[in-house]
Amino acid sequence: MSKLHFTTKHANAASVQRKWHVVDGTNQTVGRMCSRIAAVLRGKNKAYYTPHVDCGDYIIVINADKVKFTGNKLEEKEYQTFSGYPGGQKAETAKNLLKRRPDAVIERAVKGMLPKNRLGRKMIKKLFVYAGDVHPHTAQQPAELKF
């Protein structure tokens, strides 16, 4: 009687196939959109997902200035930074940050949902966020990603 022997296939840098996707942020809720973007950046939408390998795709987010927050988050949510010096802590509401730097809102949300290690730092480099509807990545022929 022959013995069946199954092995698990692990993805590696040579076997990963990366695609480019465009996400339109118009009237999308920030948290829900960013959690789906983080899953695609990690590669969790692929059958050969391996946790210790960067299997994810490239994501381009356009119209980042048209995203929305639910409830009172636009006025009450605060983004804090600290310079490391005494008195160097600054806080800014989501409304002000969205007006000043709309790309930072999405980048910070997605970065918080990725692993906090060198693999996560590699994954966040595949995210490109633009405030308007024009992006310089047309040569990569990105496909639209619907949620």
Protein backbone atom coordinates (compact mmCIF):
# COMPACT_ATOMS: atom_id res chain seq x y z
CA MET A 1 0.00 0.00 0.00
CA SER A 2 1.47 3.33 -1.02
CA LYS A 3 1.63 6.14 1.45
CA LEU A 4 0.24 9.52 0.42
CA HIS A 5 2.57 12.40 1.20
CA PHE A 6 1.27 15.94 1.06
CA THR A 7 3.47 18.99 1.41
CA THR A 8 2.47 22.57 2.03
CA LYS A 9 3.55 24.99 -0.64
CA HIS A 10 5.06 28.19 0.74
CA ALA A 11 5.28 31.32 -1.36
CA ASN A 12 8.67 32.91 -1.93
CA ALA A 13 9.92 36.01 -3.72
CA ALA A 14 10.17 34.17 -7.05
CA SER A 15 6.64 32.72 -6.98
CA VAL A 16 4.74 35.88 -5.97
CA GLN A 17 2.88 37.61 -8.79
CA ARG A 18 2.10 41.24 -8.04
CA LYS A 19 -0.72 43.24 -9.60
CA TRP A 20 -1.61 46.93 -9.47
CA HIS A 21 -5.00 48.08 -8.20
CA VAL A 22 -6.74 51.48 -8.07
CA VAL A 23 -9.14 52.30 -5.24
CA ASP A 24 -11.42 55.34 -5.49
CA GLY A 25 -11.91 56.87 -2.04
CA THR A 26 -14.97 58.94 -2.97
CA ASN A 27 -17.64 58.59 -0.24
CA GLN A 28 -15.91 55.58 1.33
CA THR A 29 -15.59 55.16 5.10
CA VAL A 30 -11.93 55.43 6.11
CA GLY A 31 -11.71 52.42 8.44
CA ARG A 32 -13.57 49.97 6.24
CA MET A 33 -11.68 50.97 3.12
CA CYS A 34 -8.28 50.87 4.84
CA SER A 35 -8.85 47.44 6.39
CA ARG A 36 -9.54 46.01 2.94
CA ILE A 37 -6.50 47.81 1.51
CA ALA A 38 -4.32 46.37 4.29
CA ALA A 39 -5.53 42.85 3.50
CA VAL A 40 -4.60 43.25 -0.18
CA LEU A 41 -1.21 44.75 0.72
CA ARG A 42 -0.50 41.71 2.91
CA GLY A 43 -1.68 39.31 0.19
CA LYS A 44 -4.49 37.75 2.20
CA ASN A 45 -6.72 37.73 -0.89
CA LYS A 46 -4.45 35.17 -2.60
CA ALA A 47 -4.58 31.40 -2.32
CA TYR A 48 -0.83 31.14 -1.73
CA TYR A 49 -0.76 33.64 1.19
CA THR A 50 2.20 32.99 3.47
CA PRO A 51 2.50 35.08 6.65
CA HIS A 52 6.29 35.44 6.57
CA VAL A 53 6.46 36.48 2.88
CA ASP A 54 5.33 39.74 1.28
CA CYS A 55 2.69 38.35 -1.11
CA GLY A 56 0.67 41.55 -1.53
CA ASP A 57 -0.19 43.72 -4.48
CA TYR A 58 0.35 47.42 -5.17
CA ILE A 59 -2.50 49.78 -4.26
CA ILE A 60 -3.14 53.27 -5.64
CA VAL A 61 -5.73 55.32 -3.75
CA ILE A 62 -7.22 58.30 -5.59
CA ASN A 63 -9.62 60.97 -4.28
CA ALA A 64 -8.27 60.61 -0.74
CA ASP A 65 -9.70 64.05 0.07
CA LYS A 66 -13.26 62.76 -0.48
CA VAL A 67 -13.28 59.99 2.15
CA LYS A 68 -15.72 60.18 5.04
CA PHE A 69 -15.77 59.44 8.74
CA THR A 70 -18.80 58.11 10.60
CA GLY A 71 -20.29 59.64 13.71
CA ASN A 72 -18.43 62.56 15.30
CA LYS A 73 -14.96 61.28 14.34
CA LEU A 74 -14.33 64.18 11.96
CA GLU A 75 -14.42 66.65 14.87
CA GLU A 76 -13.37 64.43 17.78
CA LYS A 77 -10.69 62.07 16.42
CA GLU A 78 -7.18 63.35 17.13
CA TYR A 79 -3.91 62.43 15.48
CA GLN A 80 -0.99 62.93 17.86
CA THR A 81 2.70 63.39 17.11
CA PHE A 82 5.60 63.71 19.51
CA SER A 83 8.98 65.18 18.62
CA GLY A 84 10.78 63.67 21.60
CA TYR A 85 11.47 67.04 23.22
CA PRO A 86 9.68 68.46 26.27
CA GLY A 87 6.50 70.16 25.14
CA GLY A 88 6.85 68.58 21.70
CA GLN A 89 3.50 66.80 21.65
CA LYS A 90 1.05 68.06 19.04
CA ALA A 91 -2.52 66.99 18.36
CA GLU A 92 -4.59 67.65 15.26
CA THR A 93 -8.21 66.78 14.56
CA ALA A 94 -9.20 64.57 11.66
CA LYS A 95 -10.95 67.50 10.00
CA ASN A 96 -7.78 69.61 9.94
CA LEU A 97 -5.51 66.75 8.83
CA LEU A 98 -7.94 65.77 6.07
CA LYS A 99 -7.91 69.36 4.81
CA ARG A 100 -4.13 69.81 5.14
CA ARG A 101 -2.82 66.36 4.12
CA PRO A 102 -5.57 63.94 3.02
CA ASP A 103 -3.04 61.28 2.04
CA ALA A 104 -1.71 61.10 5.63
CA VAL A 105 -5.11 60.02 6.98
CA ILE A 106 -5.19 56.91 4.79
CA GLU A 107 -1.48 56.14 5.13
CA ARG A 108 -1.65 56.23 8.94
CA ALA A 109 -4.79 54.09 9.04
CA VAL A 110 -3.34 51.41 6.75
CA LYS A 111 0.05 51.44 8.48
CA GLY A 112 -1.63 50.76 11.81
CA MET A 113 -3.27 47.65 10.33
CA LEU A 114 -0.04 46.12 8.99
CA PRO A 115 2.52 44.11 10.98
CA LYS A 116 4.88 46.17 13.14
CA ASN A 117 8.14 44.71 11.81
CA ARG A 118 10.40 44.96 8.78
CA LEU A 119 7.89 43.02 6.68
CA GLY A 120 5.21 45.62 7.47
CA ARG A 121 7.60 48.43 6.55
CA LYS A 122 8.16 46.72 3.21
CA MET A 123 4.40 46.34 2.63
CA ILE A 124 3.55 50.00 3.29
CA LYS A 125 5.90 51.03 0.46
CA LYS A 126 3.46 49.45 -2.02
CA LEU A 127 0.73 51.97 -1.09
CA PHE A 128 0.41 55.18 -3.12
CA VAL A 129 -2.18 57.77 -2.01
CA TYR A 130 -3.23 60.84 -4.02
CA ALA A 131 -5.67 63.60 -3.09
CA GLY A 132 -7.02 64.10 -6.60
CA ASP A 133 -8.14 61.67 -9.29
CA VAL A 134 -4.86 61.83 -11.26
CA HIS A 135 -1.95 59.47 -10.57
CA PRO A 136 1.38 58.87 -12.37
CA HIS A 137 1.07 55.06 -12.48
CA THR A 138 -0.83 54.60 -15.75
CA ALA A 139 2.10 52.69 -17.26
CA GLN A 140 1.48 49.85 -14.77
CA GLN A 141 -2.10 49.47 -16.11
CA PRO A 142 -3.81 49.21 -12.72
CA ALA A 143 -7.17 47.45 -12.47
CA GLU A 144 -9.98 49.01 -10.46
CA LEU A 145 -10.55 47.34 -7.11
CA LYS A 146 -14.16 47.41 -5.91
CA PHE A 147 -15.19 46.84 -2.29
